[in-house]
Amino acid sequence: MSESHATRKRLLLISNSTLHGSGYLDHAEQELRDVLGETRRVLFVPFALHDRDQYSAQARARFEVMGYELNSLHEATDPKTAIDNAEAIFVGGGNTFRLLHNLYELNLI
């Protein structure tokens, strides 16, 4: 498929969500804004931590401060459709084995 027909994907990898002395994602806000561009809705994948509700609430609050709507994949009635329709996806960190286990259980990998 030629580039004119393909959708270009952008990827931002952040090794930590907090930097000593700052709040959640404060140190990466400008980079997040640069990657998200005109995106207004972000799909959050909270499967690397056990408490998905709390993790999603934390991410939602931070993204709202930046002007983005955040939906959590664990609340989606159809996760595959949520991924297919996502403008942007933010995968939260934590336990990589837990993340992969949950993604495999939902047939998302």
N, C-alpha and C. Protein backbone atom coordinates (compact mmCIF):
# COMPACT_ATOMS: atom_id res chain seq x y z
N MET A 1 0.86 -1.17 0.00
CA MET A 1 0.00 0.00 0.00
C MET A 1 0.90 1.23 0.00
N SER A 2 0.61 2.17 -0.87
CA SER A 2 1.42 3.38 -0.93
C SER A 2 1.14 4.27 0.27
N GLU A 3 2.07 5.16 0.56
CA GLU A 3 1.92 6.04 1.72
C GLU A 3 0.70 6.93 1.59
N SER A 4 0.32 7.28 0.38
CA SER A 4 -0.86 8.13 0.20
C SER A 4 -2.14 7.40 0.63
N HIS A 5 -2.14 6.06 0.59
CA HIS A 5 -3.30 5.28 0.99
C HIS A 5 -3.21 4.77 2.42
N ALA A 6 -2.03 4.75 2.97
CA ALA A 6 -1.84 4.23 4.33
C ALA A 6 -2.01 5.36 5.35
N THR A 7 -2.50 4.99 6.51
CA THR A 7 -2.57 5.94 7.61
C THR A 7 -1.25 5.87 8.35
N ARG A 8 -0.61 7.01 8.50
CA ARG A 8 0.67 7.06 9.21
C ARG A 8 0.40 7.04 10.70
N LYS A 9 1.13 6.22 11.41
CA LYS A 9 1.01 6.09 12.86
C LYS A 9 2.21 6.75 13.51
N ARG A 10 1.96 7.37 14.65
CA ARG A 10 3.04 7.97 15.43
C ARG A 10 3.09 7.27 16.77
N LEU A 11 4.29 7.09 17.30
CA LEU A 11 4.48 6.38 18.54
C LEU A 11 5.36 7.20 19.46
N LEU A 12 4.92 7.37 20.69
CA LEU A 12 5.71 8.04 21.72
C LEU A 12 5.92 7.06 22.86
N LEU A 13 7.16 6.77 23.18
CA LEU A 13 7.48 5.87 24.28
C LEU A 13 8.01 6.70 25.44
N ILE A 14 7.39 6.54 26.59
CA ILE A 14 7.80 7.26 27.79
C ILE A 14 8.16 6.21 28.83
N SER A 15 9.33 6.31 29.42
CA SER A 15 9.78 5.27 30.34
C SER A 15 9.21 5.42 31.74
N ASN A 16 8.65 6.56 32.07
CA ASN A 16 8.05 6.73 33.39
C ASN A 16 6.94 7.77 33.33
N SER A 17 5.95 7.62 34.18
CA SER A 17 4.82 8.54 34.17
C SER A 17 5.00 9.70 35.14
N THR A 18 5.95 9.57 36.04
CA THR A 18 6.24 10.67 36.97
C THR A 18 7.75 10.87 37.05
N LEU A 19 8.11 12.11 37.24
CA LEU A 19 9.50 12.49 37.45
C LEU A 19 9.57 13.06 38.85
N HIS A 20 10.58 12.70 39.60
CA HIS A 20 10.68 13.14 40.99
C HIS A 20 10.38 14.64 41.12
N GLY A 21 9.43 14.95 41.99
CA GLY A 21 9.08 16.34 42.23
C GLY A 21 7.99 16.90 41.32
N SER A 22 7.47 16.07 40.42
CA SER A 22 6.40 16.55 39.53
C SER A 22 5.22 15.59 39.58
N GLY A 23 4.10 16.00 39.00
CA GLY A 23 2.90 15.18 38.99
C GLY A 23 2.87 14.21 37.82
N TYR A 24 1.81 13.42 37.80
CA TYR A 24 1.60 12.39 36.78
C TYR A 24 1.63 13.01 35.38
N LEU A 25 2.58 12.60 34.57
CA LEU A 25 2.78 12.99 33.18
C LEU A 25 3.15 14.47 32.98
N ASP A 26 3.42 15.19 34.06
CA ASP A 26 3.78 16.61 33.91
C ASP A 26 5.00 16.79 33.02
N HIS A 27 6.01 15.97 33.22
CA HIS A 27 7.26 16.10 32.48
C HIS A 27 7.12 15.76 30.99
N ALA A 28 6.07 15.08 30.62
CA ALA A 28 5.89 14.64 29.23
C ALA A 28 4.74 15.35 28.53
N GLU A 29 4.16 16.36 29.16
CA GLU A 29 2.97 17.00 28.60
C GLU A 29 3.22 17.54 27.19
N GLN A 30 4.29 18.25 26.99
CA GLN A 30 4.52 18.84 25.66
C GLN A 30 4.71 17.77 24.60
N GLU A 31 5.42 16.70 24.93
CA GLU A 31 5.61 15.61 23.97
C GLU A 31 4.29 14.93 23.66
N LEU A 32 3.45 14.74 24.67
CA LEU A 32 2.12 14.16 24.44
C LEU A 32 1.31 15.05 23.51
N ARG A 33 1.33 16.34 23.77
CA ARG A 33 0.60 17.28 22.90
C ARG A 33 1.13 17.24 21.47
N ASP A 34 2.46 17.16 21.33
CA ASP A 34 3.06 17.11 19.99
C ASP A 34 2.60 15.87 19.22
N VAL A 35 2.57 14.73 19.89
CA VAL A 35 2.18 13.48 19.23
C VAL A 35 0.68 13.45 18.97
N LEU A 36 -0.11 13.91 19.93
CA LEU A 36 -1.57 13.86 19.77
C LEU A 36 -2.09 14.88 18.78
N GLY A 37 -1.40 15.98 18.62
CA GLY A 37 -1.81 16.99 17.64
C GLY A 37 -3.25 17.42 17.82
N GLU A 38 -4.06 17.27 16.78
CA GLU A 38 -5.46 17.70 16.79
C GLU A 38 -6.40 16.66 17.39
N THR A 39 -5.86 15.53 17.83
CA THR A 39 -6.67 14.49 18.45
C THR A 39 -7.41 15.05 19.65
N ARG A 40 -8.64 14.65 19.84
CA ARG A 40 -9.40 15.11 21.01
C ARG A 40 -9.77 13.96 21.94
N ARG A 41 -9.81 12.72 21.41
CA ARG A 41 -10.20 11.57 22.23
C ARG A 41 -9.07 10.55 22.26
N VAL A 42 -8.78 10.07 23.46
CA VAL A 42 -7.70 9.10 23.66
C VAL A 42 -8.29 7.85 24.32
N LEU A 43 -7.89 6.69 23.83
CA LEU A 43 -8.29 5.42 24.43
C LEU A 43 -7.16 4.95 25.33
N PHE A 44 -7.47 4.72 26.59
CA PHE A 44 -6.48 4.32 27.58
C PHE A 44 -6.54 2.82 27.82
N VAL A 45 -5.37 2.19 27.85
CA VAL A 45 -5.26 0.76 28.12
C VAL A 45 -4.65 0.61 29.51
N PRO A 46 -5.48 0.30 30.54
CA PRO A 46 -5.01 0.30 31.92
C PRO A 46 -4.63 -1.09 32.45
N PHE A 47 -4.36 -2.04 31.58
CA PHE A 47 -4.25 -3.43 31.99
C PHE A 47 -2.95 -3.81 32.69
N ALA A 48 -2.00 -2.90 32.83
CA ALA A 48 -0.74 -3.24 33.48
C ALA A 48 -0.81 -3.10 35.00
N LEU A 49 -1.89 -2.53 35.52
CA LEU A 49 -2.09 -2.43 36.96
C LEU A 49 -3.36 -3.18 37.34
N HIS A 50 -3.44 -3.60 38.59
CA HIS A 50 -4.61 -4.36 39.06
C HIS A 50 -5.86 -3.49 39.16
N ASP A 51 -5.73 -2.28 39.73
CA ASP A 51 -6.88 -1.41 39.95
C ASP A 51 -7.11 -0.53 38.71
N ARG A 52 -7.82 -1.09 37.75
CA ARG A 52 -8.05 -0.40 36.48
C ARG A 52 -8.90 0.86 36.64
N ASP A 53 -9.86 0.81 37.55
CA ASP A 53 -10.72 1.98 37.76
C ASP A 53 -9.91 3.18 38.27
N GLN A 54 -9.07 2.93 39.27
CA GLN A 54 -8.27 4.02 39.84
C GLN A 54 -7.25 4.53 38.82
N TYR A 55 -6.62 3.61 38.11
CA TYR A 55 -5.61 3.98 37.11
C TYR A 55 -6.26 4.83 36.01
N SER A 56 -7.42 4.41 35.57
CA SER A 56 -8.14 5.16 34.54
C SER A 56 -8.56 6.54 35.04
N ALA A 57 -9.01 6.60 36.29
CA ALA A 57 -9.41 7.89 36.86
C ALA A 57 -8.23 8.85 36.91
N GLN A 58 -7.07 8.34 37.28
CA GLN A 58 -5.86 9.18 37.32
C GLN A 58 -5.50 9.68 35.92
N ALA A 59 -5.50 8.79 34.95
CA ALA A 59 -5.16 9.17 33.57
C ALA A 59 -6.21 10.12 33.01
N ARG A 60 -7.49 9.83 33.26
CA ARG A 60 -8.58 10.68 32.75
C ARG A 60 -8.45 12.11 33.28
N ALA A 61 -8.19 12.24 34.57
CA ALA A 61 -8.06 13.56 35.18
C ALA A 61 -6.90 14.33 34.55
N ARG A 62 -5.78 13.67 34.31
CA ARG A 62 -4.61 14.35 33.75
C ARG A 62 -4.85 14.73 32.29
N PHE A 63 -5.43 13.85 31.52
CA PHE A 63 -5.68 14.16 30.12
C PHE A 63 -6.73 15.26 29.98
N GLU A 64 -7.72 15.28 30.86
CA GLU A 64 -8.72 16.35 30.82
C GLU A 64 -8.09 17.71 31.07
N VAL A 65 -7.11 17.77 31.97
CA VAL A 65 -6.40 19.03 32.23
C VAL A 65 -5.72 19.51 30.94
N MET A 66 -5.26 18.57 30.12
CA MET A 66 -4.60 18.91 28.86
C MET A 66 -5.60 19.17 27.74
N GLY A 67 -6.90 18.95 28.01
CA GLY A 67 -7.91 19.21 27.00
C GLY A 67 -8.33 18.01 26.16
N TYR A 68 -8.02 16.80 26.63
CA TYR A 68 -8.37 15.59 25.89
C TYR A 68 -9.41 14.78 26.65
N GLU A 69 -10.32 14.16 25.92
CA GLU A 69 -11.26 13.22 26.50
C GLU A 69 -10.58 11.86 26.53
N LEU A 70 -10.68 11.15 27.65
CA LEU A 70 -10.04 9.85 27.77
C LEU A 70 -11.09 8.80 28.08
N ASN A 71 -11.13 7.74 27.28
CA ASN A 71 -11.98 6.58 27.52
C ASN A 71 -11.07 5.41 27.84
N SER A 72 -11.52 4.55 28.75
CA SER A 72 -10.70 3.42 29.15
C SER A 72 -11.17 2.15 28.46
N LEU A 73 -10.22 1.39 27.96
CA LEU A 73 -10.54 0.15 27.24
C LEU A 73 -11.25 -0.85 28.14
N HIS A 74 -10.97 -0.85 29.42
CA HIS A 74 -11.60 -1.83 30.31
C HIS A 74 -13.09 -1.55 30.51
N GLU A 75 -13.56 -0.37 30.14
CA GLU A 75 -14.98 -0.02 30.24
C GLU A 75 -15.73 -0.22 28.92
N ALA A 76 -15.01 -0.55 27.86
CA ALA A 76 -15.62 -0.70 26.54
C ALA A 76 -16.43 -2.00 26.46
N THR A 77 -17.62 -1.93 25.87
CA THR A 77 -18.42 -3.14 25.69
C THR A 77 -17.83 -4.04 24.60
N ASP A 78 -17.12 -3.44 23.64
CA ASP A 78 -16.48 -4.19 22.57
C ASP A 78 -15.06 -3.63 22.39
N PRO A 79 -14.08 -4.23 23.10
CA PRO A 79 -12.72 -3.70 23.06
C PRO A 79 -12.11 -3.61 21.66
N LYS A 80 -12.36 -4.59 20.81
CA LYS A 80 -11.79 -4.56 19.45
C LYS A 80 -12.32 -3.36 18.67
N THR A 81 -13.61 -3.11 18.78
CA THR A 81 -14.20 -1.96 18.09
C THR A 81 -13.66 -0.66 18.66
N ALA A 82 -13.50 -0.62 19.97
CA ALA A 82 -12.95 0.59 20.61
C ALA A 82 -11.56 0.89 20.07
N ILE A 83 -10.74 -0.15 19.91
CA ILE A 83 -9.40 0.04 19.36
C ILE A 83 -9.48 0.49 17.91
N ASP A 84 -10.32 -0.17 17.13
CA ASP A 84 -10.46 0.18 15.71
C ASP A 84 -10.91 1.63 15.52
N ASN A 85 -11.74 2.12 16.42
CA ASN A 85 -12.29 3.47 16.29
C ASN A 85 -11.49 4.54 17.03
N ALA A 86 -10.43 4.15 17.70
CA ALA A 86 -9.66 5.09 18.51
C ALA A 86 -8.91 6.10 17.64
N GLU A 87 -8.96 7.35 18.06
CA GLU A 87 -8.15 8.39 17.42
C GLU A 87 -6.70 8.24 17.86
N ALA A 88 -6.50 7.90 19.14
CA ALA A 88 -5.17 7.70 19.71
C ALA A 88 -5.29 6.69 20.84
N ILE A 89 -4.21 5.98 21.09
CA ILE A 89 -4.19 4.98 22.15
C ILE A 89 -3.03 5.29 23.08
N PHE A 90 -3.32 5.27 24.38
CA PHE A 90 -2.30 5.48 25.41
C PHE A 90 -2.28 4.23 26.28
N VAL A 91 -1.15 3.53 26.28
CA VAL A 91 -1.00 2.31 27.06
C VAL A 91 -0.27 2.66 28.35
N GLY A 92 -0.94 2.48 29.47
CA GLY A 92 -0.33 2.77 30.76
C GLY A 92 0.66 1.70 31.15
N GLY A 93 1.69 2.11 31.87
CA GLY A 93 2.72 1.19 32.29
C GLY A 93 2.40 0.50 33.60
N GLY A 94 3.30 -0.36 34.00
CA GLY A 94 3.14 -1.13 35.21
C GLY A 94 3.77 -2.50 35.01
N ASN A 95 3.01 -3.53 35.25
CA ASN A 95 3.48 -4.90 35.13
C ASN A 95 3.23 -5.38 33.69
N THR A 96 4.31 -5.53 32.95
CA THR A 96 4.20 -5.92 31.54
C THR A 96 3.55 -7.29 31.38
N PHE A 97 3.84 -8.22 32.28
CA PHE A 97 3.24 -9.55 32.19
C PHE A 97 1.73 -9.47 32.40
N ARG A 98 1.29 -8.64 33.34
CA ARG A 98 -0.15 -8.44 33.56
C ARG A 98 -0.79 -7.81 32.32
N LEU A 99 -0.13 -6.82 31.75
CA LEU A 99 -0.63 -6.16 30.54
C LEU A 99 -0.82 -7.17 29.41
N LEU A 100 0.22 -7.93 29.12
CA LEU A 100 0.14 -8.91 28.03
C LEU A 100 -0.89 -10.00 28.31
N HIS A 101 -0.94 -10.48 29.53
CA HIS A 101 -1.92 -11.50 29.90
C HIS A 101 -3.34 -11.02 29.60
N ASN A 102 -3.64 -9.81 30.02
CA ASN A 102 -4.98 -9.26 29.81
C ASN A 102 -5.28 -9.00 28.34
N LEU A 103 -4.30 -8.54 27.60
CA LEU A 103 -4.50 -8.32 26.16
C LEU A 103 -4.75 -9.65 25.44
N TYR A 104 -4.00 -10.68 25.82
CA TYR A 104 -4.23 -12.01 25.22
C TYR A 104 -5.61 -12.55 25.61
N GLU A 105 -6.01 -12.38 26.86
CA GLU A 105 -7.33 -12.87 27.30
C GLU A 105 -8.47 -12.24 26.50
N LEU A 106 -8.30 -11.00 26.11
CA LEU A 106 -9.34 -10.31 25.33
C LEU A 106 -9.16 -10.48 23.82
N ASN A 107 -8.19 -11.32 23.43
CA ASN A 107 -7.92 -11.54 22.00
C ASN A 107 -7.55 -10.25 21.27
N LEU A 108 -6.77 -9.42 21.92
CA LEU A 108 -6.37 -8.14 21.31
C LEU A 108 -4.97 -8.20 20.73
N ILE A 109 -4.31 -9.33 20.93
CA ILE A 109 -2.98 -9.52 20.34
C ILE A 109 -3.04 -10.71 19.41
